Amino acid sequence: MIADRSLVVQDGIRLASPLAIVVATVLFFAGHNQPGGGFAGGLVLGAVMALRSATGLSVPQHPVRMMSVGGMIIGCVALAPIVIGDVVLDQYVWTTTLPVLGKVKAGTALILDVGVVLIVVGLILAMLDALSSAGPSDVIPTPDVDLDGRSDSDPDPDVDLERGSDEYARRDGAGASERVITRGLRGRGTDDGMTDGTTEAAQ
């Protein structure tokens, strides 16, 4: 794979990773009132993780744990309003003034987006782990077909013909040996009979 051997591709992905993190952060904070949000920011981070994994760079580990933490955050944010008597997924907004940023508004939806980001990134990392752990044994082999339309698994007629000829020759040779031995035994028996007859006549 060219991505594993090309230094240009690896350096390009390594330099693009911080820029992608900045874009994901902007989408994350701007998603409350503008296009973006936790899902869009998670997709940008997931795309960066996929590129880093393809080029052999380091990526976060334990994606299942990441998705579990994200699900717990979403569950807590969704069920917390019930404790104080409000409805599920009720939103609370706080406004404050910061020295550099000025007036900043935040709420429980921002915490919910953190859980969404963790789930999206964890799901992409889990898919990458599943694809990378698939070995050659998981791939179904396909037979190689020659130009004459015969695959490697099909028997070779020439080999079968030679094999049959050798087997017939061995059987024929074995039969010939048995016939020679039988004839020798018969001849020996006849000679013994003639010898006994001649001896009796002489007596």
Protein backbone atom coordinates (compact mmCIF):
# COMPACT_ATOMS: atom_id res chain seq x y z
CA MET A 1 0.00 0.00 0.00
CA ILE A 2 1.47 3.35 -1.08
CA ALA A 3 0.19 5.15 2.03
CA ASP A 4 2.37 2.95 4.26
CA ARG A 5 5.54 3.62 2.24
CA SER A 6 5.12 7.24 1.07
CA LEU A 7 6.65 9.81 3.38
CA VAL A 8 4.85 12.59 1.49
CA VAL A 9 1.43 11.10 2.28
CA GLN A 10 2.31 10.48 5.92
CA ASP A 11 3.70 13.99 6.43
CA GLY A 12 0.69 15.49 4.66
CA ILE A 13 -1.78 13.67 6.91
CA ARG A 14 0.32 14.51 9.98
CA LEU A 15 0.28 18.23 9.09
CA ALA A 16 -3.42 18.19 8.20
CA SER A 17 -4.47 16.63 11.49
CA PRO A 18 -4.21 19.83 13.62
CA LEU A 19 -6.11 21.80 10.98
CA ALA A 20 -8.87 19.19 10.95
CA ILE A 21 -9.07 19.33 14.74
CA VAL A 22 -9.51 23.12 14.57
CA VAL A 23 -12.29 22.75 11.96
CA ALA A 24 -14.00 20.11 14.08
CA THR A 25 -13.80 22.36 17.14
CA VAL A 26 -15.35 25.29 15.26
CA LEU A 27 -18.16 23.05 14.01
CA PHE A 28 -18.67 21.72 17.51
CA PHE A 29 -19.14 25.13 19.16
CA ALA A 30 -21.00 26.71 16.25
CA GLY A 31 -23.53 23.92 15.91
CA HIS A 32 -25.97 25.31 18.44
CA ASN A 33 -27.10 28.29 16.33
CA GLN A 34 -25.38 27.54 13.00
CA PRO A 35 -24.72 24.48 10.81
CA GLY A 36 -22.47 22.05 12.61
CA GLY A 37 -22.71 20.44 16.00
CA GLY A 38 -21.40 17.35 17.65
CA PHE A 39 -22.24 15.01 14.80
CA ALA A 40 -20.51 17.15 12.13
CA GLY A 41 -17.48 17.68 14.36
CA GLY A 42 -17.33 13.95 15.08
CA LEU A 43 -17.41 13.12 11.38
CA VAL A 44 -14.48 15.47 10.70
CA LEU A 45 -12.48 13.91 13.52
CA GLY A 46 -13.44 10.42 12.33
CA ALA A 47 -12.25 11.21 8.81
CA VAL A 48 -8.90 12.35 10.21
CA MET A 49 -8.63 9.15 12.25
CA ALA A 50 -9.39 7.06 9.17
CA LEU A 51 -6.64 8.80 7.19
CA ARG A 52 -4.16 8.42 10.04
CA SER A 53 -4.98 4.73 10.36
CA ALA A 54 -4.53 4.21 6.61
CA THR A 55 -1.10 5.83 6.71
CA GLY A 56 0.06 3.90 9.78
CA LEU A 57 -0.05 6.87 12.18
CA SER A 58 -1.21 6.63 15.77
CA VAL A 59 -4.94 6.80 16.56
CA PRO A 60 -6.86 6.70 19.87
CA GLN A 61 -7.38 3.24 21.33
CA HIS A 62 -10.34 1.60 23.13
CA PRO A 63 -13.19 2.76 20.84
CA VAL A 64 -15.79 0.72 22.73
CA ARG A 65 -14.89 2.48 25.96
CA MET A 66 -15.14 5.81 24.13
CA MET A 67 -18.63 4.99 22.87
CA SER A 68 -19.67 3.84 26.36
CA VAL A 69 -18.56 7.14 27.91
CA GLY A 70 -20.41 9.06 25.21
CA GLY A 71 -23.59 7.08 25.83
CA MET A 72 -23.34 7.69 29.58
CA ILE A 73 -22.94 11.45 29.01
CA ILE A 74 -25.99 11.56 26.75
CA GLY A 75 -28.02 9.52 29.22
CA CYS A 76 -27.09 11.78 32.12
CA VAL A 77 -27.93 14.94 30.19
CA ALA A 78 -31.22 13.46 29.03
CA LEU A 79 -32.35 12.21 32.46
CA ALA A 80 -30.95 14.96 34.69
CA PRO A 81 -33.93 17.30 34.22
CA ILE A 82 -36.24 14.64 35.68
CA VAL A 83 -34.47 14.95 39.02
CA ILE A 84 -35.55 18.60 39.40
CA GLY A 85 -39.03 17.97 38.03
CA ASP A 86 -38.58 18.98 34.38
CA VAL A 87 -39.13 16.97 31.22
CA VAL A 88 -36.58 14.69 29.58
CA LEU A 89 -33.92 16.46 27.48
CA ASP A 90 -34.89 19.87 28.83
CA GLN A 91 -32.20 22.45 28.06
CA TYR A 92 -30.59 24.91 30.42
CA VAL A 93 -28.62 27.88 29.12
CA TRP A 94 -26.03 29.97 30.95
CA THR A 95 -24.62 33.28 29.78
CA THR A 96 -21.30 34.69 30.92
CA THR A 97 -18.72 37.26 29.85
CA LEU A 98 -15.11 36.24 29.23
CA PRO A 99 -12.13 38.65 28.95
CA VAL A 100 -11.18 37.79 25.38
CA LEU A 101 -14.29 36.15 23.92
CA GLY A 102 -16.77 38.57 25.44
CA LYS A 103 -20.31 37.34 25.97
CA VAL A 104 -20.49 33.58 25.78
CA LYS A 105 -23.63 31.47 25.96
CA ALA A 106 -23.49 27.78 26.78
CA GLY A 107 -25.93 25.15 27.87
CA THR A 108 -26.60 21.50 28.43
CA ALA A 109 -26.82 20.96 24.67
CA LEU A 110 -23.06 21.51 24.52
CA ILE A 111 -22.54 18.68 27.00
CA LEU A 112 -24.85 16.50 24.91
CA ASP A 113 -22.74 17.22 21.84
CA VAL A 114 -19.65 15.99 23.69
CA GLY A 115 -21.32 12.59 24.05
CA VAL A 116 -22.30 12.62 20.37
CA VAL A 117 -18.71 13.33 19.33
CA LEU A 118 -17.41 10.46 21.45
CA ILE A 119 -19.94 8.03 19.98
CA VAL A 120 -19.27 9.04 16.36
CA VAL A 121 -15.48 8.92 16.70
CA GLY A 122 -15.61 5.67 18.67
CA LEU A 123 -17.84 4.05 16.05
CA ILE A 124 -15.47 5.00 13.22
CA LEU A 125 -12.47 3.71 15.18
CA ALA A 126 -14.29 0.44 15.91
CA MET A 127 -15.02 -0.01 12.21
CA LEU A 128 -11.36 0.63 11.38
CA ASP A 129 -10.26 -1.93 13.96
CA ALA A 130 -12.66 -4.50 12.53
CA LEU A 131 -11.39 -3.93 8.99
CA SER A 132 -7.73 -4.05 10.01
CA SER A 133 -8.17 -7.26 12.04
CA ALA A 134 -9.66 -9.15 9.08
CA GLY A 135 -6.95 -11.66 8.07
CA PRO A 136 -6.41 -13.59 4.84
CA SER A 137 -8.44 -16.52 6.23
CA ASP A 138 -11.56 -14.33 6.27
CA VAL A 139 -11.40 -13.86 2.51
CA ILE A 140 -13.01 -16.57 0.38
CA PRO A 141 -10.42 -17.74 -2.17
CA THR A 142 -11.45 -17.81 -5.81
CA PRO A 143 -10.01 -20.47 -8.11
CA ASP A 144 -7.63 -19.27 -10.79
CA VAL A 145 -9.01 -19.98 -14.24
CA ASP A 146 -6.62 -20.60 -17.12
CA LEU A 147 -7.15 -19.43 -20.67
CA ASP A 148 -8.73 -22.76 -21.62
CA GLY A 149 -11.43 -22.30 -18.95
CA ARG A 150 -10.06 -24.89 -16.50
CA SER A 151 -9.44 -23.85 -12.89
CA ASP A 152 -6.67 -25.01 -10.60
CA SER A 153 -9.06 -27.24 -8.70
CA ASP A 154 -10.06 -29.18 -11.85
CA PRO A 155 -8.09 -32.37 -12.49
CA ASP A 156 -5.56 -32.35 -15.30
CA PRO A 157 -6.54 -34.93 -17.95
CA ASP A 158 -2.90 -35.43 -19.03
CA VAL A 159 -1.83 -36.19 -15.48
CA ASP A 160 -4.77 -38.58 -15.03
CA LEU A 161 -3.90 -40.31 -18.32
CA GLU A 162 -0.26 -40.76 -17.32
CA ARG A 163 -1.31 -41.92 -13.88
CA GLY A 164 -3.71 -44.46 -15.40
CA SER A 165 -1.05 -45.72 -17.82
CA ASP A 166 1.45 -46.21 -14.96
CA GLU A 167 -1.13 -48.05 -12.91
CA TYR A 168 -2.04 -50.29 -15.87
CA ALA A 169 1.65 -51.01 -16.51
CA ARG A 170 2.16 -51.94 -12.86
CA ARG A 171 -0.86 -54.22 -12.94
CA ASP A 172 0.25 -55.77 -16.24
CA GLY A 173 3.75 -56.34 -14.88
CA ALA A 174 2.39 -57.90 -11.72
CA GLY A 175 0.13 -60.19 -13.78
CA ALA A 176 3.03 -61.24 -15.99
CA SER A 177 5.13 -62.07 -12.94
CA GLU A 178 2.31 -64.17 -11.52
CA ARG A 179 1.96 -66.04 -14.82
CA VAL A 180 5.72 -66.76 -14.97
CA ILE A 181 5.71 -68.01 -11.38
CA THR A 182 2.66 -70.21 -12.07
CA ARG A 183 4.23 -71.69 -15.17
CA GLY A 184 7.46 -72.38 -13.25
CA LEU A 185 5.55 -74.16 -10.53
CA ARG A 186 3.64 -76.20 -13.07
CA GLY A 187 6.86 -77.12 -14.90
CA ARG A 188 8.52 -78.09 -11.65
CA GLY A 189 5.55 -80.23 -10.74
CA THR A 190 5.68 -81.98 -14.14
CA ASP A 191 9.41 -82.61 -13.85
CA ASP A 192 8.93 -84.08 -10.40
CA GLY A 193 6.18 -86.36 -11.72
CA MET A 194 8.32 -87.56 -14.62
CA THR A 195 11.26 -88.19 -12.31
CA ASP A 196 9.15 -90.24 -9.95
CA GLY A 197 7.76 -92.29 -12.87
CA THR A 198 11.21 -92.97 -14.28
CA THR A 199 12.47 -94.04 -10.89
CA GLU A 200 9.57 -96.42 -10.37
CA ALA A 201 10.08 -97.94 -13.88
CA ALA A 202 13.78 -98.47 -13.17
CA GLN A 203 12.96 -100.26 -9.96
